[in-house]
Amino acid sequence: MKSIIRNNLSEKYGKGTIIIHWVSFLLILVLIPSGFIMTGTKPGDAKILLLRTHIFIGVIVFILTLLRVWFFFRYKRPSHLETGNLIHNKLIVWLENSFYIVLILLSVSGILTVILGALGQAIRAGNYTLLPNNLDVPSLAPHQVLAKLLIALLIVHIVGVVNHYIKLKENTLKRILP
């Protein structure tokens, strides 16, 4: 007979972590489409606006991620969720930690793309004519791959929350809601 798992959902993350989690989530929901739209946009005022917005929001997410990593080591966290399956339990921890790694690498590759692509002057001036015709820098491909990996992590994370709710009848969102 399978044992019934009951996690302590009264254990919550700290207010700072909760705020960073949801603000980052909302900002990432803007970053993802803006990056894909920007890739297919021809040089013009729309592209420079998308680029400036994408970079500005990306830097904010980077700072929030670094702050959240600091909170991760500084403050007590709720115990890990139990599912009744050792491999699944380890997968949950791996997934949570992967977000930090991917977001940091994504941010660094984005910053490198701006630097190596010499985009700074165009961004500061808001002048699309200063953008290179072909952005061919080594950091752009990893940035695009990491963006797709982030999307996959988000999907798996959301599916996991829903799956946990359906299978174990536990609303794990209680731990990360204000």
N, C-alpha and C. Protein backbone atom coordinates (compact mmCIF):
# COMPACT_ATOMS: atom_id res chain seq x y z
N MET A 1 0.84 -1.19 0.00
CA MET A 1 0.00 0.00 0.00
C MET A 1 0.88 1.25 0.00
N LYS A 2 0.54 2.21 -0.82
CA LYS A 2 1.32 3.43 -0.95
C LYS A 2 1.01 4.36 0.23
N SER A 3 2.07 4.92 0.82
CA SER A 3 1.85 5.84 1.94
C SER A 3 1.39 7.20 1.42
N ILE A 4 0.60 7.87 2.22
CA ILE A 4 0.10 9.19 1.85
C ILE A 4 1.12 10.23 2.30
N ILE A 5 1.52 11.08 1.38
CA ILE A 5 2.49 12.13 1.66
C ILE A 5 1.73 13.39 2.03
N ARG A 6 2.12 13.99 3.12
CA ARG A 6 1.56 15.28 3.51
C ARG A 6 2.72 16.22 3.82
N ASN A 7 2.90 17.22 2.97
CA ASN A 7 3.93 18.22 3.20
C ASN A 7 3.39 19.31 4.10
N ASN A 8 4.28 19.92 4.85
CA ASN A 8 3.89 21.02 5.73
C ASN A 8 3.83 22.30 4.89
N LEU A 9 2.64 22.64 4.43
CA LEU A 9 2.47 23.80 3.55
C LEU A 9 2.38 25.11 4.33
N SER A 10 2.44 25.02 5.66
CA SER A 10 2.45 26.25 6.45
C SER A 10 3.86 26.84 6.49
N GLU A 11 4.86 26.04 6.12
CA GLU A 11 6.22 26.56 5.99
C GLU A 11 6.26 27.41 4.72
N LYS A 12 6.58 28.69 4.88
CA LYS A 12 6.58 29.58 3.74
C LYS A 12 7.97 30.14 3.50
N TYR A 13 8.18 30.57 2.28
CA TYR A 13 9.39 31.31 1.97
C TYR A 13 9.27 32.69 2.59
N GLY A 14 10.40 33.37 2.78
CA GLY A 14 10.40 34.72 3.33
C GLY A 14 9.76 35.69 2.36
N LYS A 15 9.32 36.83 2.90
CA LYS A 15 8.65 37.84 2.07
C LYS A 15 9.52 38.31 0.90
N GLY A 16 10.81 38.51 1.16
CA GLY A 16 11.71 38.95 0.09
C GLY A 16 11.78 37.95 -1.05
N THR A 17 11.89 36.67 -0.71
CA THR A 17 11.94 35.62 -1.72
C THR A 17 10.63 35.55 -2.50
N ILE A 18 9.53 35.69 -1.78
CA ILE A 18 8.21 35.64 -2.43
C ILE A 18 8.07 36.78 -3.43
N ILE A 19 8.43 37.97 -3.01
CA ILE A 19 8.31 39.14 -3.89
C ILE A 19 9.21 38.98 -5.12
N ILE A 20 10.47 38.56 -4.89
CA ILE A 20 11.41 38.37 -6.00
C ILE A 20 10.89 37.30 -6.96
N HIS A 21 10.35 36.21 -6.41
CA HIS A 21 9.83 35.12 -7.24
C HIS A 21 8.78 35.64 -8.22
N TRP A 22 7.78 36.35 -7.71
CA TRP A 22 6.66 36.77 -8.56
C TRP A 22 7.02 37.93 -9.47
N VAL A 23 7.83 38.87 -8.99
CA VAL A 23 8.27 39.97 -9.86
C VAL A 23 9.13 39.41 -10.99
N SER A 24 10.04 38.50 -10.66
CA SER A 24 10.88 37.87 -11.69
C SER A 24 10.03 37.12 -12.70
N PHE A 25 9.06 36.37 -12.20
CA PHE A 25 8.17 35.62 -13.10
C PHE A 25 7.48 36.55 -14.09
N LEU A 26 6.92 37.65 -13.59
CA LEU A 26 6.22 38.59 -14.48
C LEU A 26 7.18 39.24 -15.48
N LEU A 27 8.37 39.60 -15.01
CA LEU A 27 9.34 40.22 -15.92
C LEU A 27 9.82 39.23 -16.97
N ILE A 28 10.00 37.97 -16.58
CA ILE A 28 10.41 36.94 -17.54
C ILE A 28 9.32 36.74 -18.59
N LEU A 29 8.06 36.88 -18.18
CA LEU A 29 6.96 36.77 -19.15
C LEU A 29 6.99 37.89 -20.18
N VAL A 30 7.67 38.99 -19.88
CA VAL A 30 7.86 40.07 -20.84
C VAL A 30 9.13 39.82 -21.66
N LEU A 31 10.17 39.33 -20.99
CA LEU A 31 11.45 39.11 -21.67
C LEU A 31 11.36 38.07 -22.78
N ILE A 32 10.67 36.98 -22.53
CA ILE A 32 10.64 35.89 -23.51
C ILE A 32 10.05 36.35 -24.86
N PRO A 33 8.84 36.89 -24.86
CA PRO A 33 8.32 37.30 -26.18
C PRO A 33 9.10 38.47 -26.78
N SER A 34 9.59 39.39 -25.94
CA SER A 34 10.32 40.52 -26.50
C SER A 34 11.59 40.05 -27.20
N GLY A 35 12.25 39.03 -26.65
CA GLY A 35 13.45 38.48 -27.29
C GLY A 35 13.14 37.84 -28.63
N PHE A 36 12.06 37.05 -28.67
CA PHE A 36 11.70 36.39 -29.93
C PHE A 36 11.22 37.40 -30.98
N ILE A 37 10.44 38.39 -30.56
CA ILE A 37 9.96 39.42 -31.49
C ILE A 37 11.14 40.23 -32.02
N MET A 38 12.05 40.56 -31.13
CA MET A 38 13.22 41.37 -31.51
C MET A 38 14.06 40.65 -32.55
N THR A 39 14.19 39.35 -32.43
CA THR A 39 14.99 38.57 -33.38
C THR A 39 14.46 38.70 -34.80
N GLY A 40 13.14 38.74 -34.92
CA GLY A 40 12.55 38.81 -36.26
C GLY A 40 12.25 40.23 -36.74
N THR A 41 12.61 41.23 -35.95
CA THR A 41 12.30 42.61 -36.31
C THR A 41 13.46 43.24 -37.07
N LYS A 42 13.12 43.92 -38.15
CA LYS A 42 14.14 44.62 -38.94
C LYS A 42 14.58 45.87 -38.19
N PRO A 43 15.81 46.32 -38.42
CA PRO A 43 16.29 47.53 -37.75
C PRO A 43 15.32 48.69 -37.97
N GLY A 44 15.02 49.36 -36.89
CA GLY A 44 14.11 50.49 -36.91
C GLY A 44 13.82 50.93 -35.48
N ASP A 45 12.92 51.89 -35.35
CA ASP A 45 12.60 52.39 -34.01
C ASP A 45 12.01 51.30 -33.12
N ALA A 46 11.21 50.40 -33.71
CA ALA A 46 10.61 49.33 -32.91
C ALA A 46 11.69 48.40 -32.36
N LYS A 47 12.69 48.10 -33.16
CA LYS A 47 13.75 47.19 -32.72
C LYS A 47 14.57 47.81 -31.59
N ILE A 48 14.92 49.07 -31.72
CA ILE A 48 15.73 49.71 -30.67
C ILE A 48 14.92 49.81 -29.38
N LEU A 49 13.62 50.05 -29.48
CA LEU A 49 12.76 50.11 -28.29
C LEU A 49 12.68 48.73 -27.63
N LEU A 50 12.49 47.69 -28.44
CA LEU A 50 12.46 46.33 -27.91
C LEU A 50 13.80 45.97 -27.26
N LEU A 51 14.88 46.33 -27.91
CA LEU A 51 16.21 46.02 -27.40
C LEU A 51 16.45 46.73 -26.06
N ARG A 52 16.13 48.00 -26.01
CA ARG A 52 16.31 48.77 -24.76
C ARG A 52 15.47 48.19 -23.63
N THR A 53 14.22 47.87 -23.94
CA THR A 53 13.31 47.30 -22.94
C THR A 53 13.82 45.94 -22.48
N HIS A 54 14.22 45.10 -23.43
CA HIS A 54 14.71 43.76 -23.12
C HIS A 54 15.94 43.82 -22.22
N ILE A 55 16.86 44.69 -22.54
CA ILE A 55 18.09 44.83 -21.75
C ILE A 55 17.77 45.37 -20.36
N PHE A 56 16.95 46.39 -20.29
CA PHE A 56 16.59 46.99 -18.99
C PHE A 56 15.94 45.95 -18.08
N ILE A 57 14.95 45.25 -18.60
CA ILE A 57 14.25 44.23 -17.80
C ILE A 57 15.19 43.07 -17.48
N GLY A 58 16.03 42.68 -18.44
CA GLY A 58 16.99 41.60 -18.21
C GLY A 58 17.95 41.92 -17.08
N VAL A 59 18.42 43.15 -17.01
CA VAL A 59 19.32 43.56 -15.92
C VAL A 59 18.57 43.51 -14.58
N ILE A 60 17.33 43.93 -14.57
CA ILE A 60 16.54 43.85 -13.33
C ILE A 60 16.39 42.40 -12.88
N VAL A 61 16.07 41.51 -13.81
CA VAL A 61 15.94 40.08 -13.46
C VAL A 61 17.28 39.54 -12.96
N PHE A 62 18.38 39.96 -13.57
CA PHE A 62 19.70 39.51 -13.13
C PHE A 62 19.96 39.94 -11.69
N ILE A 63 19.69 41.19 -11.39
CA ILE A 63 19.89 41.70 -10.02
C ILE A 63 18.98 40.96 -9.04
N LEU A 64 17.72 40.77 -9.41
CA LEU A 64 16.79 40.05 -8.55
C LEU A 64 17.24 38.60 -8.32
N THR A 65 17.78 37.97 -9.36
CA THR A 65 18.27 36.59 -9.23
C THR A 65 19.46 36.53 -8.27
N LEU A 66 20.38 37.46 -8.41
CA LEU A 66 21.53 37.50 -7.49
C LEU A 66 21.06 37.73 -6.06
N LEU A 67 20.09 38.60 -5.90
CA LEU A 67 19.53 38.86 -4.57
C LEU A 67 18.84 37.61 -4.01
N ARG A 68 18.13 36.92 -4.87
CA ARG A 68 17.44 35.69 -4.43
C ARG A 68 18.45 34.61 -4.05
N VAL A 69 19.55 34.51 -4.78
CA VAL A 69 20.61 33.56 -4.42
C VAL A 69 21.16 33.92 -3.04
N TRP A 70 21.35 35.19 -2.79
CA TRP A 70 21.82 35.63 -1.47
C TRP A 70 20.81 35.23 -0.39
N PHE A 71 19.52 35.47 -0.64
CA PHE A 71 18.47 35.05 0.30
C PHE A 71 18.50 33.54 0.50
N PHE A 72 18.79 32.80 -0.57
CA PHE A 72 18.81 31.34 -0.53
C PHE A 72 19.79 30.84 0.53
N PHE A 73 20.96 31.49 0.60
CA PHE A 73 21.97 31.07 1.57
C PHE A 73 21.85 31.78 2.91
N ARG A 74 21.18 32.90 2.94
CA ARG A 74 21.12 33.72 4.15
C ARG A 74 19.96 33.36 5.07
N TYR A 75 18.82 33.01 4.49
CA TYR A 75 17.62 32.80 5.28
C TYR A 75 17.11 31.36 5.19
N LYS A 76 16.41 30.96 6.22
CA LYS A 76 15.84 29.61 6.28
C LYS A 76 14.77 29.47 5.19
N ARG A 77 14.76 28.31 4.57
CA ARG A 77 13.78 27.99 3.53
C ARG A 77 12.88 26.87 4.03
N PRO A 78 11.70 26.75 3.44
CA PRO A 78 10.86 25.59 3.80
C PRO A 78 11.56 24.30 3.39
N SER A 79 11.21 23.22 4.06
CA SER A 79 11.81 21.94 3.69
C SER A 79 11.35 21.57 2.28
N HIS A 80 12.14 20.72 1.64
CA HIS A 80 11.83 20.30 0.28
C HIS A 80 10.53 19.52 0.25
N LEU A 81 9.81 19.66 -0.85
CA LEU A 81 8.57 18.91 -1.02
C LEU A 81 8.86 17.43 -1.18
N GLU A 82 8.01 16.63 -0.62
CA GLU A 82 8.11 15.18 -0.74
C GLU A 82 6.99 14.70 -1.65
N THR A 83 7.33 13.73 -2.50
CA THR A 83 6.34 13.20 -3.43
C THR A 83 6.08 11.71 -3.22
N GLY A 84 6.94 11.09 -2.42
CA GLY A 84 6.84 9.64 -2.26
C GLY A 84 7.75 8.89 -3.20
N ASN A 85 8.48 9.62 -4.05
CA ASN A 85 9.39 9.01 -5.02
C ASN A 85 10.74 9.73 -4.91
N LEU A 86 11.78 8.99 -4.54
CA LEU A 86 13.09 9.58 -4.31
C LEU A 86 13.62 10.32 -5.54
N ILE A 87 13.48 9.71 -6.71
CA ILE A 87 13.97 10.35 -7.94
C ILE A 87 13.20 11.64 -8.22
N HIS A 88 11.89 11.59 -8.04
CA HIS A 88 11.05 12.78 -8.25
C HIS A 88 11.44 13.88 -7.26
N ASN A 89 11.69 13.51 -6.01
CA ASN A 89 12.11 14.50 -5.00
C ASN A 89 13.41 15.19 -5.42
N LYS A 90 14.36 14.40 -5.91
CA LYS A 90 15.64 14.98 -6.35
C LYS A 90 15.45 15.84 -7.60
N LEU A 91 14.54 15.44 -8.48
CA LEU A 91 14.25 16.22 -9.67
C LEU A 91 13.69 17.60 -9.31
N ILE A 92 12.86 17.66 -8.29
CA ILE A 92 12.30 18.94 -7.84
C ILE A 92 13.42 19.87 -7.39
N VAL A 93 14.35 19.36 -6.57
CA VAL A 93 15.47 20.17 -6.09
C VAL A 93 16.35 20.61 -7.26
N TRP A 94 16.62 19.68 -8.18
CA TRP A 94 17.44 20.00 -9.35
C TRP A 94 16.80 21.10 -10.17
N LEU A 95 15.49 21.00 -10.37
CA LEU A 95 14.75 21.99 -11.16
C LEU A 95 14.83 23.37 -10.50
N GLU A 96 14.60 23.42 -9.19
CA GLU A 96 14.66 24.70 -8.49
C GLU A 96 16.04 25.33 -8.62
N ASN A 97 17.08 24.54 -8.44
CA ASN A 97 18.45 25.07 -8.54
C ASN A 97 18.82 25.45 -9.97
N SER A 98 18.28 24.73 -10.93
CA SER A 98 18.57 25.01 -12.35
C SER A 98 18.09 26.40 -12.74
N PHE A 99 17.00 26.87 -12.16
CA PHE A 99 16.52 28.22 -12.47
C PHE A 99 17.58 29.26 -12.18
N TYR A 100 18.22 29.15 -11.02
CA TYR A 100 19.26 30.12 -10.66
C TYR A 100 20.40 30.09 -11.66
N ILE A 101 20.87 28.89 -11.96
CA ILE A 101 22.01 28.73 -12.88
C ILE A 101 21.66 29.27 -14.27
N VAL A 102 20.51 28.88 -14.79
CA VAL A 102 20.12 29.31 -16.14
C VAL A 102 19.92 30.83 -16.18
N LEU A 103 19.26 31.40 -15.18
CA LEU A 103 19.03 32.85 -15.18
C LEU A 103 20.34 33.62 -15.10
N ILE A 104 21.28 33.14 -14.31
CA ILE A 104 22.57 33.83 -14.22
C ILE A 104 23.33 33.71 -15.54
N LEU A 105 23.40 32.51 -16.10
CA LEU A 105 24.09 32.33 -17.39
C LEU A 105 23.41 33.11 -18.51
N LEU A 106 22.09 33.13 -18.50
CA LEU A 106 21.33 33.88 -19.50
C LEU A 106 21.65 35.37 -19.41
N SER A 107 21.71 35.88 -18.20
CA SER A 107 22.03 37.30 -17.99
C SER A 107 23.45 37.62 -18.44
N VAL A 108 24.39 36.77 -18.06
CA VAL A 108 25.79 37.00 -18.45
C VAL A 108 25.94 36.94 -19.97
N SER A 109 25.29 35.96 -20.61
CA SER A 109 25.39 35.87 -22.07
C SER A 109 24.73 37.09 -22.73
N GLY A 110 23.67 37.61 -22.14
CA GLY A 110 23.04 38.82 -22.67
C GLY A 110 23.94 40.03 -22.54
N ILE A 111 24.57 40.17 -21.39
CA ILE A 111 25.50 41.29 -21.17
C ILE A 111 26.68 41.18 -22.14
N LEU A 112 27.19 39.97 -22.30
CA LEU A 112 28.30 39.77 -23.26
C LEU A 112 27.87 40.09 -24.69
N THR A 113 26.64 39.77 -25.03
CA THR A 113 26.14 40.07 -26.38
C THR A 113 26.10 41.58 -26.61
N VAL A 114 25.66 42.32 -25.61
CA VAL A 114 25.63 43.78 -25.72
C VAL A 114 27.04 44.33 -25.88
N ILE A 115 27.98 43.81 -25.08
CA ILE A 115 29.36 44.30 -25.13
C ILE A 115 30.04 43.89 -26.43
N LEU A 116 30.01 42.60 -26.74
CA LEU A 116 30.70 42.10 -27.94
C LEU A 116 30.06 42.60 -29.24
N GLY A 117 28.78 42.86 -29.19
CA GLY A 117 28.08 43.36 -30.37
C GLY A 117 28.15 44.86 -30.51
N ALA A 118 28.84 45.52 -29.57
CA ALA A 118 28.99 46.98 -29.58
C ALA A 118 27.63 47.67 -29.71
N LEU A 119 26.69 47.23 -28.88
CA LEU A 119 25.33 47.77 -28.94
C LEU A 119 25.12 48.97 -28.01
N GLY A 120 26.09 49.23 -27.15
CA GLY A 120 25.95 50.26 -26.13
C GLY A 120 25.60 51.65 -26.65
N GLN A 121 26.31 52.08 -27.67
CA GLN A 121 26.08 53.43 -28.19
C GLN A 121 24.67 53.55 -28.78
N ALA A 122 24.24 52.56 -29.53
CA ALA A 122 22.90 52.58 -30.14
C ALA A 122 21.83 52.59 -29.05
N ILE A 123 22.05 51.81 -28.01
CA ILE A 123 21.07 51.71 -26.92
C ILE A 123 20.99 53.03 -26.16
N ARG A 124 22.15 53.58 -25.80
CA ARG A 124 22.16 54.86 -25.07
C ARG A 124 21.53 55.97 -25.89
N ALA A 125 21.84 56.02 -27.18
CA ALA A 125 21.32 57.08 -28.05
C ALA A 125 19.89 56.81 -28.50
N GLY A 126 19.46 55.57 -28.40
CA GLY A 126 18.12 55.22 -28.90
C GLY A 126 18.06 55.33 -30.42
N ASN A 127 19.20 55.08 -31.06
CA ASN A 127 19.32 55.28 -32.50
C ASN A 127 19.57 53.94 -33.18
N TYR A 128 18.59 53.45 -33.90
CA TYR A 128 18.71 52.14 -34.54
C TYR A 128 19.74 52.12 -35.66
N THR A 129 20.06 53.29 -36.23
CA THR A 129 21.05 53.31 -37.32
C THR A 129 22.45 52.94 -36.82
N LEU A 130 22.65 52.99 -35.50
CA LEU A 130 23.95 52.63 -34.93
C LEU A 130 24.05 51.12 -34.64
N LEU A 131 22.95 50.39 -34.85
CA LEU A 131 22.97 48.95 -34.65
C LEU A 131 23.73 48.27 -35.79
N PRO A 132 24.47 47.21 -35.49
CA PRO A 132 25.15 46.49 -36.58
C PRO A 132 24.12 45.81 -37.48
N ASN A 133 24.45 45.69 -38.76
CA ASN A 133 23.55 45.03 -39.71
C ASN A 133 23.38 43.56 -39.39
N ASN A 134 24.46 42.93 -38.93
CA ASN A 134 24.43 41.51 -38.63
C ASN A 134 25.10 41.30 -37.27
N LEU A 135 24.35 40.91 -36.30
CA LEU A 135 24.89 40.68 -34.96
C LEU A 135 25.45 39.26 -34.90
N ASP A 136 26.76 39.17 -35.13
CA ASP A 136 27.43 37.87 -35.17
C ASP A 136 28.47 37.83 -34.05
N VAL A 137 27.99 37.52 -32.84
CA VAL A 137 28.88 37.43 -31.69
C VAL A 137 28.72 36.05 -31.05
N PRO A 138 29.80 35.51 -30.47
CA PRO A 138 29.75 34.14 -29.95
C PRO A 138 28.77 33.95 -28.79
N SER A 139 28.39 35.01 -28.10
CA SER A 139 27.51 34.88 -26.94
C SER A 139 26.03 34.83 -27.30
N LEU A 140 25.69 35.19 -28.54
CA LEU A 140 24.27 35.25 -28.92
C LEU A 140 23.63 33.87 -29.00
N ALA A 141 24.31 32.91 -29.60
CA ALA A 141 23.74 31.55 -29.72
C ALA A 141 23.50 30.93 -28.34
N PRO A 142 24.47 30.99 -27.41
CA PRO A 142 24.17 30.46 -26.07
C PRO A 142 23.01 31.20 -25.39
N HIS A 143 22.91 32.50 -25.62
CA HIS A 143 21.82 33.28 -25.04
C HIS A 143 20.47 32.75 -25.55
N GLN A 144 20.40 32.47 -26.83
CA GLN A 144 19.15 31.95 -27.41
C GLN A 144 18.84 30.54 -26.92
N VAL A 145 19.86 29.71 -26.79
CA VAL A 145 19.66 28.34 -26.28
C VAL A 145 19.21 28.39 -24.82
N LEU A 146 19.85 29.23 -24.03
CA LEU A 146 19.48 29.36 -22.61
C LEU A 146 18.06 29.90 -22.45
N ALA A 147 17.64 30.79 -23.35
CA ALA A 147 16.26 31.30 -23.30
C ALA A 147 15.27 30.16 -23.52
N LYS A 148 15.57 29.28 -24.46
CA LYS A 148 14.70 28.13 -24.71
C LYS A 148 14.72 27.15 -23.55
N LEU A 149 15.88 26.99 -22.93
CA LEU A 149 15.98 26.14 -21.74
C LEU A 149 15.17 26.73 -20.59
N LEU A 150 15.20 28.05 -20.45
CA LEU A 150 14.40 28.70 -19.41
C LEU A 150 12.91 28.45 -19.64
N ILE A 151 12.49 28.54 -20.88
CA ILE A 151 11.08 28.27 -21.22
C ILE A 151 10.73 26.84 -20.83
N ALA A 152 11.61 25.90 -21.14
CA ALA A 152 11.36 24.50 -20.79
C ALA A 152 11.28 24.33 -19.26
N LEU A 153 12.18 24.98 -18.53
CA LEU A 153 12.14 24.90 -17.07
C LEU A 153 10.85 25.48 -16.51
N LEU A 154 10.40 26.60 -17.09
CA LEU A 154 9.14 27.21 -16.64
C LEU A 154 7.97 26.26 -16.85
N ILE A 155 7.93 25.65 -18.02
CA ILE A 155 6.84 24.72 -18.33
C ILE A 155 6.86 23.54 -17.37
N VAL A 156 8.04 22.95 -17.17
CA VAL A 156 8.15 21.80 -16.26
C VAL A 156 7.76 22.20 -14.84
N HIS A 157 8.17 23.39 -14.43
CA HIS A 157 7.85 23.89 -13.08
C HIS A 157 6.34 24.04 -12.91
N ILE A 158 5.69 24.65 -13.88
CA ILE A 158 4.24 24.86 -13.79
C ILE A 158 3.50 23.52 -13.85
N VAL A 159 3.93 22.64 -14.73
CA VAL A 159 3.32 21.31 -14.82
C VAL A 159 3.52 20.56 -13.49
N GLY A 160 4.69 20.72 -12.89
CA GLY A 160 4.96 20.07 -11.61
C GLY A 160 4.05 20.55 -10.50
N VAL A 161 3.81 21.85 -10.46
CA VAL A 161 2.90 22.40 -9.44
C VAL A 161 1.49 21.84 -9.64
N VAL A 162 1.04 21.83 -10.88
CA VAL A 162 -0.31 21.30 -11.19
C VAL A 162 -0.36 19.80 -10.89
N ASN A 163 0.66 19.07 -11.27
CA ASN A 163 0.73 17.63 -11.03
C ASN A 163 0.70 17.33 -9.52
N HIS A 164 1.45 18.11 -8.76
CA HIS A 164 1.48 17.93 -7.31
C HIS A 164 0.08 18.17 -6.72
N TYR A 165 -0.57 19.17 -7.24
CA TYR A 165 -1.91 19.50 -6.76
C TYR A 165 -2.90 18.37 -7.08
N ILE A 166 -2.80 17.84 -8.29
CA ILE A 166 -3.74 16.78 -8.72
C ILE A 166 -3.45 15.46 -8.00
N LYS A 167 -2.18 15.05 -7.97
CA LYS A 167 -1.84 13.74 -7.41
C LYS A 167 -1.91 13.71 -5.88
N LEU A 168 -1.35 14.74 -5.24
CA LEU A 168 -1.28 14.73 -3.77
C LEU A 168 -2.32 15.62 -3.11
N LYS A 169 -3.10 16.32 -3.93
CA LYS A 169 -4.15 17.21 -3.41
C LYS A 169 -3.58 18.27 -2.46
N GLU A 170 -2.37 18.76 -2.79
CA GLU A 170 -1.73 19.79 -1.98
C GLU A 170 -1.50 21.02 -2.83
N ASN A 171 -1.90 22.17 -2.32
CA ASN A 171 -1.68 23.43 -3.02
C ASN A 171 -0.32 23.99 -2.57
N THR A 172 0.73 23.60 -3.29
CA THR A 172 2.08 24.01 -2.92
C THR A 172 2.31 25.50 -3.14
N LEU A 173 1.42 26.16 -3.86
CA LEU A 173 1.56 27.61 -4.06
C LEU A 173 1.45 28.37 -2.73
N LYS A 174 0.83 27.75 -1.73
CA LYS A 174 0.71 28.41 -0.41
C LYS A 174 2.07 28.80 0.14
N ARG A 175 3.10 28.06 -0.23
CA ARG A 175 4.46 28.33 0.29
C ARG A 175 5.09 29.57 -0.33
N ILE A 176 4.62 29.97 -1.53
CA ILE A 176 5.26 31.06 -2.25
C ILE A 176 4.29 32.22 -2.52
N LEU A 177 3.12 32.19 -1.89
CA LEU A 177 2.18 33.31 -2.01
C LEU A 177 2.31 34.22 -0.80
N PRO A 178 2.13 35.52 -1.04
CA PRO A 178 2.24 36.48 0.09
C PRO A 178 1.17 36.26 1.14
